[in-house]
C-alpha atoms as a PDB file:
ATOM      1  CA  MET A   1      -2.607  32.077  -9.228  1.00  0.00           C
ATOM      2  CA  GLN A   2       0.678  32.422  -7.429  1.00  0.00           C
ATOM      3  CA  ASP A   3       1.186  32.703  -3.694  1.00  0.00           C
ATOM      4  CA  LYS A   4       3.651  35.114  -2.115  1.00  0.00           C
ATOM      5  CA  TYR A   5       6.404  32.485  -2.308  1.00  0.00           C
ATOM      6  CA  GLY A   6       6.060  32.082  -6.064  1.00  0.00           C
ATOM      7  CA  ARG A   7       4.247  28.740  -6.020  1.00  0.00           C
ATOM      8  CA  THR A   8       1.605  28.293  -8.719  1.00  0.00           C
ATOM      9  CA  ILE A   9      -1.658  27.242  -7.056  1.00  0.00           C
ATOM     10  CA  GLU A  10      -3.680  25.146  -9.495  1.00  0.00           C
ATOM     11  CA  TYR A  11      -5.130  22.284  -7.427  1.00  0.00           C
ATOM     12  CA  LEU A  12      -8.336  22.506  -5.357  1.00  0.00           C
ATOM     13  CA  ARG A  13      -9.440  19.702  -3.044  1.00  0.00           C
ATOM     14  CA  ILE A  14     -13.126  19.877  -2.137  1.00  0.00           C
ATOM     15  CA  SER A  15     -14.545  18.027   0.883  1.00  0.00           C
ATOM     16  CA  LEU A  16     -18.198  17.312   0.112  1.00  0.00           C
ATOM     17  CA  THR A  17     -19.020  15.880   3.549  1.00  0.00           C
ATOM     18  CA  ASP A  18     -17.330  14.943   6.806  1.00  0.00           C
ATOM     19  CA  LEU A  19     -19.501  11.815   7.006  1.00  0.00           C
ATOM     20  CA  CYS A  20     -18.303   8.355   5.993  1.00  0.00           C
ATOM     21  CA  ASN A  21     -19.622   4.811   5.777  1.00  0.00           C
ATOM     22  CA  LEU A  22     -16.434   3.534   7.465  1.00  0.00           C
ATOM     23  CA  ARG A  23     -14.683   4.561  10.696  1.00  0.00           C
ATOM     24  CA  CYS A  24     -10.979   4.259   9.837  1.00  0.00           C
ATOM     25  CA  VAL A  25      -8.902   4.438  12.986  1.00  0.00           C
ATOM     26  CA  TYR A  26      -6.464   7.087  11.690  1.00  0.00           C
ATOM     27  CA  CYS A  27      -9.192   9.335  10.297  1.00  0.00           C
ATOM     28  CA  MET A  28     -12.302   9.380  12.476  1.00  0.00           C
ATOM     29  CA  PRO A  29     -13.287   8.905  16.137  1.00  0.00           C
ATOM     30  CA  GLU A  30     -14.714   5.475  16.978  1.00  0.00           C
ATOM     31  CA  GLU A  31     -18.134   6.970  17.710  1.00  0.00           C
ATOM     32  CA  GLY A  32     -18.162   8.700  14.326  1.00  0.00           C
ATOM     33  CA  VAL A  33     -18.964  12.381  13.984  1.00  0.00           C
ATOM     34  CA  CYS A  34     -21.985  14.482  14.775  1.00  0.00           C
ATOM     35  CA  LYS A  35     -23.849  15.174  11.560  1.00  0.00           C
ATOM     36  CA  LEU A  36     -23.761  18.863  10.787  1.00  0.00           C
ATOM     37  CA  PRO A  37     -27.143  20.486  10.236  1.00  0.00           C
ATOM     38  CA  HIS A  38     -28.113  20.583   6.573  1.00  0.00           C
ATOM     39  CA  ASP A  39     -27.921  24.368   6.515  1.00  0.00           C
ATOM     40  CA  ARG A  40     -24.282  24.245   7.660  1.00  0.00           C
ATOM     41  CA  ILE A  41     -23.151  22.257   4.626  1.00  0.00           C
ATOM     42  CA  LEU A  42     -22.496  23.799   1.244  1.00  0.00           C
ATOM     43  CA  SER A  43     -25.160  22.979  -1.304  1.00  0.00           C
ATOM     44  CA  LEU A  44     -23.924  21.377  -4.511  1.00  0.00           C
ATOM     45  CA  GLU A  45     -24.792  24.624  -6.297  1.00  0.00           C
ATOM     46  CA  GLU A  46     -22.551  26.538  -3.866  1.00  0.00           C
ATOM     47  CA  VAL A  47     -19.764  24.009  -4.383  1.00  0.00           C
ATOM     48  CA  ALA A  48     -20.028  24.453  -8.145  1.00  0.00           C
ATOM     49  CA  GLU A  49     -19.993  28.250  -7.821  1.00  0.00           C
ATOM     50  CA  ILE A  50     -16.866  28.262  -5.652  1.00  0.00           C
ATOM     51  CA  ALA A  51     -15.162  25.735  -7.911  1.00  0.00           C
ATOM     52  CA  GLY A  52     -16.037  27.849 -10.935  1.00  0.00           C
ATOM     53  CA  ALA A  53     -14.483  30.932  -9.364  1.00  0.00           C
ATOM     54  CA  ALA A  54     -11.337  28.979  -8.490  1.00  0.00           C
ATOM     55  CA  VAL A  55     -11.029  27.699 -12.067  1.00  0.00           C
ATOM     56  CA  GLU A  56     -11.448  31.256 -13.373  1.00  0.00           C
ATOM     57  CA  LEU A  57      -8.484  32.191 -11.164  1.00  0.00           C
ATOM     58  CA  GLY A  58      -6.257  29.412 -12.471  1.00  0.00           C
ATOM     59  CA  VAL A  59      -7.162  26.137 -10.771  1.00  0.00           C
ATOM     60  CA  ARG A  60      -6.708  23.320 -13.288  1.00  0.00           C
ATOM     61  CA  LYS A  61      -7.295  20.233 -11.136  1.00  0.00           C
ATOM     62  CA  ILE A  62     -10.121  19.476  -8.702  1.00  0.00           C
ATOM     63  CA  ARG A  63     -10.308  16.505  -6.364  1.00  0.00           C
ATOM     64  CA  LEU A  64     -13.563  15.581  -4.620  1.00  0.00           C
ATOM     65  CA  THR A  65     -13.056  14.118  -1.152  1.00  0.00           C
ATOM     66  CA  GLY A  66     -14.897  13.617   2.130  1.00  0.00           C
ATOM     67  CA  GLY A  67     -15.276  12.006   4.588  1.00  0.00           C
ATOM     68  CA  GLU A  68     -16.547   9.713   1.883  1.00  0.00           C
ATOM     69  CA  PRO A  69     -17.705  11.785  -1.114  1.00  0.00           C
ATOM     70  CA  LEU A  70     -19.887   9.026  -2.561  1.00  0.00           C
ATOM     71  CA  VAL A  71     -22.314   9.235   0.374  1.00  0.00           C
ATOM     72  CA  ARG A  72     -23.208  12.759  -0.776  1.00  0.00           C
ATOM     73  CA  ARG A  73     -26.460  12.770  -2.721  1.00  0.00           C
ATOM     74  CA  GLY A  74     -26.179  14.330  -6.155  1.00  0.00           C
ATOM     75  CA  ILE A  75     -22.504  13.447  -6.621  1.00  0.00           C
ATOM     76  CA  VAL A  76     -23.011  12.420 -10.266  1.00  0.00           C
ATOM     77  CA  GLU A  77     -24.782  15.682 -11.105  1.00  0.00           C
ATOM     78  CA  LEU A  78     -22.009  17.662  -9.398  1.00  0.00           C
ATOM     79  CA  VAL A  79     -19.352  15.842 -11.415  1.00  0.00           C
ATOM     80  CA  ARG A  80     -21.252  16.680 -14.601  1.00  0.00           C
ATOM     81  CA  ALA A  81     -21.440  20.365 -13.617  1.00  0.00           C
ATOM     82  CA  LEU A  82     -17.745  20.582 -12.713  1.00  0.00           C
ATOM     83  CA  ARG A  83     -16.691  18.779 -15.868  1.00  0.00           C
ATOM     84  CA  ALA A  84     -18.379  21.550 -17.870  1.00  0.00           C
ATOM     85  CA  LEU A  85     -16.183  24.278 -16.337  1.00  0.00           C
ATOM     86  CA  PRO A  86     -14.041  25.880 -19.077  1.00  0.00           C
ATOM     87  CA  GLY A  87     -10.348  25.575 -18.200  1.00  0.00           C
ATOM     88  CA  LEU A  88     -10.591  22.601 -15.847  1.00  0.00           C
ATOM     89  CA  ASP A  89      -8.094  19.989 -17.012  1.00  0.00           C
ATOM     90  CA  GLU A  90      -8.541  17.209 -14.479  1.00  0.00           C
ATOM     91  CA  LEU A  91     -11.427  16.103 -12.242  1.00  0.00           C
ATOM     92  CA  VAL A  92     -10.680  13.269  -9.829  1.00  0.00           C
ATOM     93  CA  LEU A  93     -12.135  11.700  -6.692  1.00  0.00           C
ATOM     94  CA  THR A  94     -10.823   9.892  -3.612  1.00  0.00           C
ATOM     95  CA  THR A  95     -13.046   7.175  -2.136  1.00  0.00           C
ATOM     96  CA  ASN A  96     -12.983   4.056   0.000  1.00  0.00           C
ATOM     97  CA  GLY A  97     -14.592   2.285  -2.947  1.00  0.00           C
ATOM     98  CA  ILE A  98     -17.510   0.730  -1.086  1.00  0.00           C
ATOM     99  CA  LEU A  99     -20.158   2.494  -3.207  1.00  0.00           C
ATOM    100  CA  LEU A 100     -18.350   2.287  -6.538  1.00  0.00           C
ATOM    101  CA  PRO A 101     -20.152  -0.825  -7.848  1.00  0.00           C
ATOM    102  CA  ALA A 102     -23.261   1.304  -8.355  1.00  0.00           C
ATOM    103  CA  LEU A 103     -21.570   4.637  -9.102  1.00  0.00           C
ATOM    104  CA  ALA A 104     -18.370   3.968 -11.088  1.00  0.00           C
ATOM    105  CA  GLN A 105     -19.991   3.913 -14.532  1.00  0.00           C
ATOM    106  CA  PRO A 106     -22.336   6.878 -13.920  1.00  0.00           C
ATOM    107  CA  LEU A 107     -19.386   8.920 -12.611  1.00  0.00           C
ATOM    108  CA  ARG A 108     -17.293   7.982 -15.616  1.00  0.00           C
ATOM    109  CA  ASP A 109     -20.144   8.873 -17.971  1.00  0.00           C
ATOM    110  CA  ALA A 110     -20.553  12.238 -16.193  1.00  0.00           C
ATOM    111  CA  GLY A 111     -16.922  13.130 -16.895  1.00  0.00           C
ATOM    112  CA  LEU A 112     -14.877  12.019 -13.879  1.00  0.00           C
ATOM    113  CA  ASP A 113     -11.314  11.401 -15.080  1.00  0.00           C
ATOM    114  CA  ARG A 114      -9.836   9.220 -12.360  1.00  0.00           C
ATOM    115  CA  VAL A 115     -10.367   7.681  -8.919  1.00  0.00           C
ATOM    116  CA  ASN A 116      -8.085   7.078  -5.954  1.00  0.00           C
ATOM    117  CA  ILE A 117      -9.249   4.222  -3.711  1.00  0.00           C
ATOM    118  CA  SER A 118      -8.110   3.593  -0.140  1.00  0.00           C
ATOM    119  CA  LEU A 119      -6.687   0.102   0.418  1.00  0.00           C
ATOM    120  CA  ASP A 120      -4.511  -0.237   3.498  1.00  0.00           C
ATOM    121  CA  THR A 121      -4.453  -4.024   3.624  1.00  0.00           C
ATOM    122  CA  LEU A 122      -5.287  -7.212   1.716  1.00  0.00           C
ATOM    123  CA  ASP A 123      -6.161  -9.045   4.929  1.00  0.00           C
ATOM    124  CA  ALA A 124      -9.924  -9.147   5.524  1.00  0.00           C
ATOM    125  CA  GLU A 125      -9.711  -9.233   9.324  1.00  0.00           C
ATOM    126  CA  LYS A 126      -7.152  -6.447   9.429  1.00  0.00           C
ATOM    127  CA  TYR A 127      -9.326  -4.387   7.093  1.00  0.00           C
ATOM    128  CA  ARG A 128     -12.273  -4.920   9.430  1.00  0.00           C
ATOM    129  CA  ARG A 129     -10.220  -3.685  12.404  1.00  0.00           C
ATOM    130  CA  LEU A 130      -8.714  -0.679  10.618  1.00  0.00           C
ATOM    131  CA  THR A 131     -12.087   0.462   9.263  1.00  0.00           C
ATOM    132  CA  ARG A 132     -14.013  -0.568  12.384  1.00  0.00           C
ATOM    133  CA  GLY A 133     -16.337  -2.971  10.640  1.00  0.00           C
ATOM    134  CA  GLY A 134     -15.715  -2.586   6.911  1.00  0.00           C
ATOM    135  CA  ALA A 135     -15.647  -5.543   4.518  1.00  0.00           C
ATOM    136  CA  LEU A 136     -12.540  -5.899   2.344  1.00  0.00           C
ATOM    137  CA  GLU A 137     -14.481  -7.691  -0.396  1.00  0.00           C
ATOM    138  CA  LYS A 138     -16.716  -4.638  -0.856  1.00  0.00           C
ATOM    139  CA  ALA A 139     -13.667  -2.439  -1.381  1.00  0.00           C
ATOM    140  CA  LEU A 140     -12.253  -4.958  -3.871  1.00  0.00           C
ATOM    141  CA  ASP A 141     -15.607  -4.979  -5.669  1.00  0.00           C
ATOM    142  CA  GLY A 142     -15.290  -1.200  -5.917  1.00  0.00           C
ATOM    143  CA  ILE A 143     -11.838  -1.467  -7.463  1.00  0.00           C
ATOM    144  CA  ARG A 144     -13.137  -3.978  -9.995  1.00  0.00           C
ATOM    145  CA  ALA A 145     -16.068  -1.694 -10.819  1.00  0.00           C
ATOM    146  CA  ALA A 146     -13.691   1.233 -11.394  1.00  0.00           C
ATOM    147  CA  GLN A 147     -11.611  -0.907 -13.738  1.00  0.00           C
ATOM    148  CA  ALA A 148     -14.707  -2.071 -15.621  1.00  0.00           C
ATOM    149  CA  ALA A 149     -15.851   1.541 -16.042  1.00  0.00           C
ATOM    150  CA  GLY A 150     -12.571   2.388 -17.748  1.00  0.00           C
ATOM    151  CA  PHE A 151     -10.830   4.451 -15.071  1.00  0.00           C
ATOM    152  CA  ALA A 152      -7.071   4.254 -15.613  1.00  0.00           C
ATOM    153  CA  PRO A 153      -4.704   4.457 -14.008  1.00  0.00           C
ATOM    154  CA  ILE A 154      -6.403   3.671 -10.727  1.00  0.00           C
ATOM    155  CA  LYS A 155      -4.442   4.832  -7.705  1.00  0.00           C
ATOM    156  CA  LEU A 156      -4.685   2.759  -4.523  1.00  0.00           C
ATOM    157  CA  ASN A 157      -3.764   4.603  -1.320  1.00  0.00           C
ATOM    158  CA  ALA A 158      -2.294   2.751   1.658  1.00  0.00           C
ATOM    159  CA  VAL A 159      -1.419   4.611   4.849  1.00  0.00           C
ATOM    160  CA  LEU A 160       1.800   2.939   5.957  1.00  0.00           C
ATOM    161  CA  LEU A 161       1.513   1.804   9.580  1.00  0.00           C
ATOM    162  CA  GLY A 162       4.488   0.284  11.326  1.00  0.00           C
ATOM    163  CA  GLY A 163       3.585  -2.971  13.050  1.00  0.00           C
ATOM    164  CA  VAL A 164       0.176  -3.002  11.324  1.00  0.00           C
ATOM    165  CA  ASN A 165       0.480  -3.324   7.550  1.00  0.00           C
ATOM    166  CA  ASP A 166       4.184  -2.930   6.788  1.00  0.00           C
ATOM    167  CA  ASP A 167       4.410  -6.735   6.496  1.00  0.00           C
ATOM    168  CA  GLU A 168       2.136  -6.457   3.446  1.00  0.00           C
ATOM    169  CA  ILE A 169       4.350  -4.091   1.463  1.00  0.00           C
ATOM    170  CA  PRO A 170       5.540  -6.788  -1.024  1.00  0.00           C
ATOM    171  CA  ALA A 171       1.995  -8.088  -1.577  1.00  0.00           C
ATOM    172  CA  LEU A 172       0.600  -4.586  -2.130  1.00  0.00           C
ATOM    173  CA  CYS A 173       3.401  -3.749  -4.572  1.00  0.00           C
ATOM    174  CA  ALA A 174       2.686  -6.987  -6.425  1.00  0.00           C
ATOM    175  CA  LEU A 175      -0.771  -5.665  -7.364  1.00  0.00           C
ATOM    176  CA  THR A 176       0.991  -3.514  -9.961  1.00  0.00           C
ATOM    177  CA  ARG A 177       2.625  -6.388 -11.870  1.00  0.00           C
ATOM    178  CA  ASP A 178      -0.232  -7.059 -14.297  1.00  0.00           C
ATOM    179  CA  ARG A 179      -2.658  -4.182 -13.632  1.00  0.00           C
ATOM    180  CA  PRO A 180      -2.538  -0.454 -14.630  1.00  0.00           C
ATOM    181  CA  ILE A 181      -2.515   0.509 -10.951  1.00  0.00           C
ATOM    182  CA  GLU A 182      -0.372   2.921  -8.983  1.00  0.00           C
ATOM    183  CA  MET A 183      -0.001   1.528  -5.458  1.00  0.00           C
ATOM    184  CA  ARG A 184       0.758   4.533  -3.268  1.00  0.00           C
ATOM    185  CA  PHE A 185       2.158   4.358   0.250  1.00  0.00           C
ATOM    186  CA  ILE A 186       1.549   7.415   2.437  1.00  0.00           C
ATOM    187  CA  GLU A 187       3.205   8.203   5.741  1.00  0.00           C
ATOM    188  CA  LEU A 188       0.906   8.497   8.752  1.00  0.00           C
ATOM    189  CA  MET A 189       0.471  12.153   9.621  1.00  0.00           C
ATOM    190  CA  PRO A 190       0.062  13.163  13.283  1.00  0.00           C
ATOM    191  CA  ILE A 191      -3.273  14.873  12.797  1.00  0.00           C
ATOM    192  CA  GLY A 192      -6.470  14.287  14.756  1.00  0.00           C
ATOM    193  CA  ASP A 193      -7.183  10.621  15.369  1.00  0.00           C
ATOM    194  CA  ALA A 194      -3.927   9.473  13.796  1.00  0.00           C
ATOM    195  CA  LEU A 195      -2.655   9.725  17.376  1.00  0.00           C
ATOM    196  CA  TYR A 196      -4.640   6.539  18.023  1.00  0.00           C
ATOM    197  CA  PHE A 197      -1.349   4.855  17.092  1.00  0.00           C
ATOM    198  CA  GLY A 198       1.891   5.059  19.025  1.00  0.00           C
ATOM    199  CA  PRO A 199       5.117   6.541  17.613  1.00  0.00           C
ATOM    200  CA  GLU A 200       6.175   3.096  16.368  1.00  0.00           C
ATOM    201  CA  ALA A 201       3.476   3.278  13.684  1.00  0.00           C
ATOM    202  CA  CYS A 202       5.072   6.349  12.109  1.00  0.00           C
ATOM    203  CA  ILE A 203       7.595   4.787   9.765  1.00  0.00           C
ATOM    204  CA  PRO A 204       9.076   6.431   6.645  1.00  0.00           C
ATOM    205  CA  VAL A 205       7.874   5.366   3.208  1.00  0.00           C
ATOM    206  CA  ASP A 206      11.464   4.554   2.281  1.00  0.00           C
ATOM    207  CA  THR A 207      10.731   1.361   4.212  1.00  0.00           C
ATOM    208  CA  VAL A 208       9.029   0.258   0.985  1.00  0.00           C
ATOM    209  CA  LEU A 209      12.346   0.459  -0.878  1.00  0.00           C
ATOM    210  CA  GLN A 210      14.025  -1.608   1.819  1.00  0.00           C
ATOM    211  CA  ARG A 211      11.360  -4.321   1.695  1.00  0.00           C
ATOM    212  CA  VAL A 212      11.142  -4.371  -2.120  1.00  0.00           C
ATOM    213  CA  PRO A 213      14.686  -3.492  -3.299  1.00  0.00           C
ATOM    214  CA  GLU A 214      13.940  -4.440  -6.923  1.00  0.00           C
ATOM    215  CA  LEU A 215      11.804  -1.308  -7.357  1.00  0.00           C
ATOM    216  CA  GLN A 216      13.242   0.963 -10.049  1.00  0.00           C
ATOM    217  CA  PRO A 217      12.777   4.765 -10.091  1.00  0.00           C
ATOM    218  CA  LEU A 218      10.488   6.444 -12.635  1.00  0.00           C
ATOM    219  CA  ALA A 219      10.048  10.100 -13.594  1.00  0.00           C
ATOM    220  CA  ARG A 220       7.759  12.027 -11.265  1.00  0.00           C
ATOM    221  CA  ALA A 221       4.452  13.092 -12.798  1.00  0.00           C
ATOM    222  CA  HIS A 222       3.842  16.840 -13.164  1.00  0.00           C
ATOM    223  CA  GLY A 223       2.398  18.335 -10.010  1.00  0.00           C
ATOM    224  CA  SER A 224       2.537  15.037  -8.103  1.00  0.00           C
ATOM    225  CA  VAL A 225       4.007  14.731  -4.619  1.00  0.00           C
ATOM    226  CA  ALA A 226       4.668  11.010  -5.105  1.00  0.00           C
ATOM    227  CA  ARG A 227       8.066   9.582  -5.955  1.00  0.00           C
ATOM    228  CA  ARG A 228       7.336   6.832  -8.472  1.00  0.00           C
ATOM    229  CA  TYR A 229       8.900   3.400  -8.905  1.00  0.00           C
ATOM    230  CA  ALA A 230       8.098   0.202 -10.750  1.00  0.00           C
ATOM    231  CA  LEU A 231       8.804  -3.480 -10.443  1.00  0.00           C
ATOM    232  CA  PRO A 232      10.761  -4.853 -13.426  1.00  0.00           C
ATOM    233  CA  GLY A 233       8.310  -5.534 -16.255  1.00  0.00           C
ATOM    234  CA  ALA A 234       5.296  -4.331 -14.266  1.00  0.00           C
ATOM    235  CA  VAL A 235       2.291  -2.746 -15.958  1.00  0.00           C
ATOM    236  CA  GLY A 236       1.633  -0.418 -13.022  1.00  0.00           C
ATOM    237  CA  SER A 237       3.776   1.597 -10.634  1.00  0.00           C
ATOM    238  CA  VAL A 238       4.439   2.284  -6.948  1.00  0.00           C
ATOM    239  CA  GLY A 239       4.249   5.765  -5.429  1.00  0.00           C
ATOM    240  CA  LEU A 240       5.816   6.976  -2.190  1.00  0.00           C
ATOM    241  CA  ILE A 241       4.400  10.040  -0.413  1.00  0.00           C
ATOM    242  CA  SER A 242       6.412  11.374   2.517  1.00  0.00           C
ATOM    243  CA  PRO A 243       4.695  14.314   4.261  1.00  0.00           C
ATOM    244  CA  VAL A 244       6.535  13.616   7.531  1.00  0.00           C
ATOM    245  CA  SER A 245      10.042  12.402   6.680  1.00  0.00           C
ATOM    246  CA  CYS A 246      10.520  14.702   3.682  1.00  0.00           C
ATOM    247  CA  SER A 247       8.148  17.666   3.538  1.00  0.00           C
ATOM    248  CA  PHE A 248       7.132  18.845   0.061  1.00  0.00           C
ATOM    249  CA  CYS A 249       5.875  22.278   1.138  1.00  0.00           C
ATOM    250  CA  SER A 250       8.127  24.065  -1.362  1.00  0.00           C
ATOM    251  CA  GLU A 251       6.200  22.335  -4.181  1.00  0.00           C
ATOM    252  CA  CYS A 252       2.707  22.671  -2.691  1.00  0.00           C
ATOM    253  CA  ASN A 253       0.212  23.736  -5.359  1.00  0.00           C
ATOM    254  CA  ARG A 254      -3.069  23.134  -3.515  1.00  0.00           C
ATOM    255  CA  ILE A 255      -5.812  24.745  -1.478  1.00  0.00           C
ATOM    256  CA  ARG A 256      -8.723  23.008   0.268  1.00  0.00           C
ATOM    257  CA  LEU A 257     -12.422  23.712   0.618  1.00  0.00           C
ATOM    258  CA  THR A 258     -14.236  22.233   3.617  1.00  0.00           C
ATOM    259  CA  ALA A 259     -17.792  20.916   3.463  1.00  0.00           C
ATOM    260  CA  ASP A 260     -19.033  23.890   5.512  1.00  0.00           C
ATOM    261  CA  GLY A 261     -17.514  26.420   3.133  1.00  0.00           C
ATOM    262  CA  CYS A 262     -14.116  27.390   4.527  1.00  0.00           C
ATOM    263  CA  MET A 263     -10.955  27.538   2.439  1.00  0.00           C
ATOM    264  CA  LYS A 264      -7.827  26.184   4.100  1.00  0.00           C
ATOM    265  CA  PRO A 265      -4.556  27.562   2.731  1.00  0.00           C
ATOM    266  CA  CYS A 266      -2.636  24.707   4.403  1.00  0.00           C
ATOM    267  CA  LEU A 267      -3.678  21.255   5.579  1.00  0.00           C
ATOM    268  CA  HIS A 268      -1.740  21.640   8.835  1.00  0.00           C
ATOM    269  CA  SER A 269      -2.757  25.196   9.732  1.00  0.00           C
ATOM    270  CA  ALA A 270      -5.799  26.291  11.725  1.00  0.00           C
ATOM    271  CA  GLU A 271      -6.270  29.356   9.492  1.00  0.00           C
ATOM    272  CA  GLU A 272      -9.414  29.285   7.354  1.00  0.00           C
ATOM    273  CA  PHE A 273     -11.267  31.714   5.086  1.00  0.00           C
ATOM    274  CA  PRO A 274     -15.100  31.556   5.056  1.00  0.00           C
ATOM    275  CA  LEU A 275     -16.430  31.621   1.481  1.00  0.00           C
ATOM    276  CA  ARG A 276     -20.076  30.811   1.973  1.00  0.00           C
ATOM    277  CA  GLY A 277     -22.403  33.595   0.897  1.00  0.00           C
ATOM    278  CA  LEU A 278     -19.785  35.306  -1.258  1.00  0.00           C
ATOM    279  CA  HIS A 279     -20.282  35.784  -4.977  1.00  0.00           C
ATOM    280  CA  GLY A 280     -18.539  37.330  -7.959  1.00  0.00           C
ATOM    281  CA  ASP A 281     -15.604  39.622  -7.165  1.00  0.00           C
ATOM    282  CA  ALA A 282     -16.011  39.125  -3.406  1.00  0.00           C
ATOM    283  CA  LEU A 283     -15.695  35.366  -3.799  1.00  0.00           C
ATOM    284  CA  ARG A 284     -12.678  35.623  -6.082  1.00  0.00           C
ATOM    285  CA  SER A 285     -11.020  38.101  -3.701  1.00  0.00           C
ATOM    286  CA  ALA A 286     -11.520  35.746  -0.752  1.00  0.00           C
ATOM    287  CA  ILE A 287      -9.958  32.863  -2.684  1.00  0.00           C
ATOM    288  CA  ILE A 288      -6.975  35.043  -3.589  1.00  0.00           C
ATOM    289  CA  ALA A 289      -6.644  36.056   0.075  1.00  0.00           C
ATOM    290  CA  ALA A 290      -6.547  32.388   1.076  1.00  0.00           C
ATOM    291  CA  VAL A 291      -3.855  31.698  -1.507  1.00  0.00           C
ATOM    292  CA  ASN A 292      -1.809  34.644  -0.263  1.00  0.00           C
ATOM    293  CA  ALA A 293      -2.108  33.280   3.277  1.00  0.00           C
ATOM    294  CA  LYS A 294      -0.398  29.997   2.409  1.00  0.00           C
ATOM    295  CA  PRO A 295       2.577  29.607   4.758  1.00  0.00           C
ATOM    296  CA  GLU A 296       6.012  28.898   3.363  1.00  0.00           C
ATOM    297  CA  ALA A 297       5.916  25.590   5.234  1.00  0.00           C
ATOM    298  CA  HIS A 298       3.685  23.871   7.750  1.00  0.00           C
ATOM    299  CA  VAL A 299       4.728  23.368  11.343  1.00  0.00           C
ATOM    300  CA  GLU A 300       7.540  20.855  11.679  1.00  0.00           C
ATOM    301  CA  PHE A 301       6.052  17.688  13.088  1.00  0.00           C
ATOM    302  CA  THR A 302       7.160  14.229  14.008  1.00  0.00           C
ATOM    303  CA  ALA A 303       5.560  11.096  15.398  1.00  0.00           C
ATOM    304  CA  THR A 304       4.846  12.991  18.612  1.00  0.00           C
ATOM    305  CA  GLN A 305       4.464  16.631  17.424  1.00  0.00           C
ATOM    306  CA  ARG A 306       0.973  16.957  16.028  1.00  0.00           C
ATOM    307  CA  SER A 307      -0.417  19.067  13.235  1.00  0.00           C
ATOM    308  CA  GLU A 308      -1.831  22.493  14.067  1.00  0.00           C
ATOM    309  CA  SER A 309      -4.976  21.835  12.031  1.00  0.00           C
ATOM    310  CA  ALA A 310      -8.150  22.597  13.957  1.00  0.00           C
ATOM    311  CA  ARG A 311      -9.997  19.788  12.146  1.00  0.00           C
ATOM    312  CA  ASN A 312      -9.798  16.036  11.994  1.00  0.00           C
ATOM    313  CA  MET A 313      -8.796  14.383   8.713  1.00  0.00           C
ATOM    314  CA  ASN A 314     -12.364  13.334   7.883  1.00  0.00           C
ATOM    315  CA  GLN A 315     -13.340  17.028   7.948  1.00  0.00           C
ATOM    316  CA  ILE A 316     -10.622  18.047   5.483  1.00  0.00           C
ATOM    317  CA  GLY A 317     -10.305  15.171   3.045  1.00  0.00           C
ATOM    318  CA  GLY A 318      -6.531  14.867   3.180  1.00  0.00           C
END
C-alpha cells in the first residue's frame, strides 16, 4: 500500500487493550483508566481478521501493544494465529516485561519474532516512582526470561526524561557491552499524561551522544526510525529516536489499530476510521481509506505544544 505522498505503508501496530499492570507517569493517569465494557473491545478473532486484511493489502510487520498486551487473555493463541498469516514477515511485541517470566517461552514457541521491553531506569526506587508502584526486579526478570527464550536482539526502550533519568545514560548504554541488546532512547512526546512533566524534561536524544561521546554510528536498519550507534567492541547497540527534535514523518510507514477497533492514520491526529463490523471488501476499503488519510506530517509540537491525538498513549500503544 502507498499513501498519497508515496510512502509505502507496511507496518501495523495493534493495541490489544488500554489496560496495564503499571501506571507509568508519562503514559497513564494516576487513577488508571476506566475499563471499557467487554463488548467495546475487539475480540481476538476480530483482531486477527483485521490483521489478515491488512497483510493482504501489503502490511509486512505487525507489532502488538497495549496498554500492556500481556494482560490480554489469549495472547499466545493470537500470536499463533497471526504468525500463520501468509505474507507477514515480522511479528513483534512491546511490553513492560512484568509478565514475561511465564509467557516468554510460550510466545516464542507460538511464533513471536522479537520483544521490546520498557526500561526507563536501573534505579529501583526511581522505577517505583515512574511506574507508580512497579518493581524493577520483576522487569529485569522479564528481560532475563526473554533472553532465555531465545529472543534476539532484545530492544529496551527508555523514555529520556531531563532531570529524571538522563544521569543514567552511560549506565543504560553499558548494558549493550556484552549483551545482544539494543538500548533505545526515545524523546518524551507531549501527548496526554506526558504533560505531567515540565518543559525541562523534554530533552533531545542527542544528549546521549554528548554524555557518551565514544558511541560510533552504525547503518540504520530498514524501516527503523532509530539512528543506531555502538560502543567500541560492544555486542549490542544504542538507538536514538527523535519524534520531537527531528520528525521522521517523511519516512512514516505505519498505521495503528486501537483496542476498540479504530484505525489511526497518524499517532498525533484525532482522525480515526472505525473498522469493527466490517468484513471482506468493505474492511479492505476502510483500511485503504485510512492509509490515504495519512497526513504529510503531524502537527508541529514542542515541549509546550501538545499532540492533537484525542487519546492518551496507553490507548494507542505508541
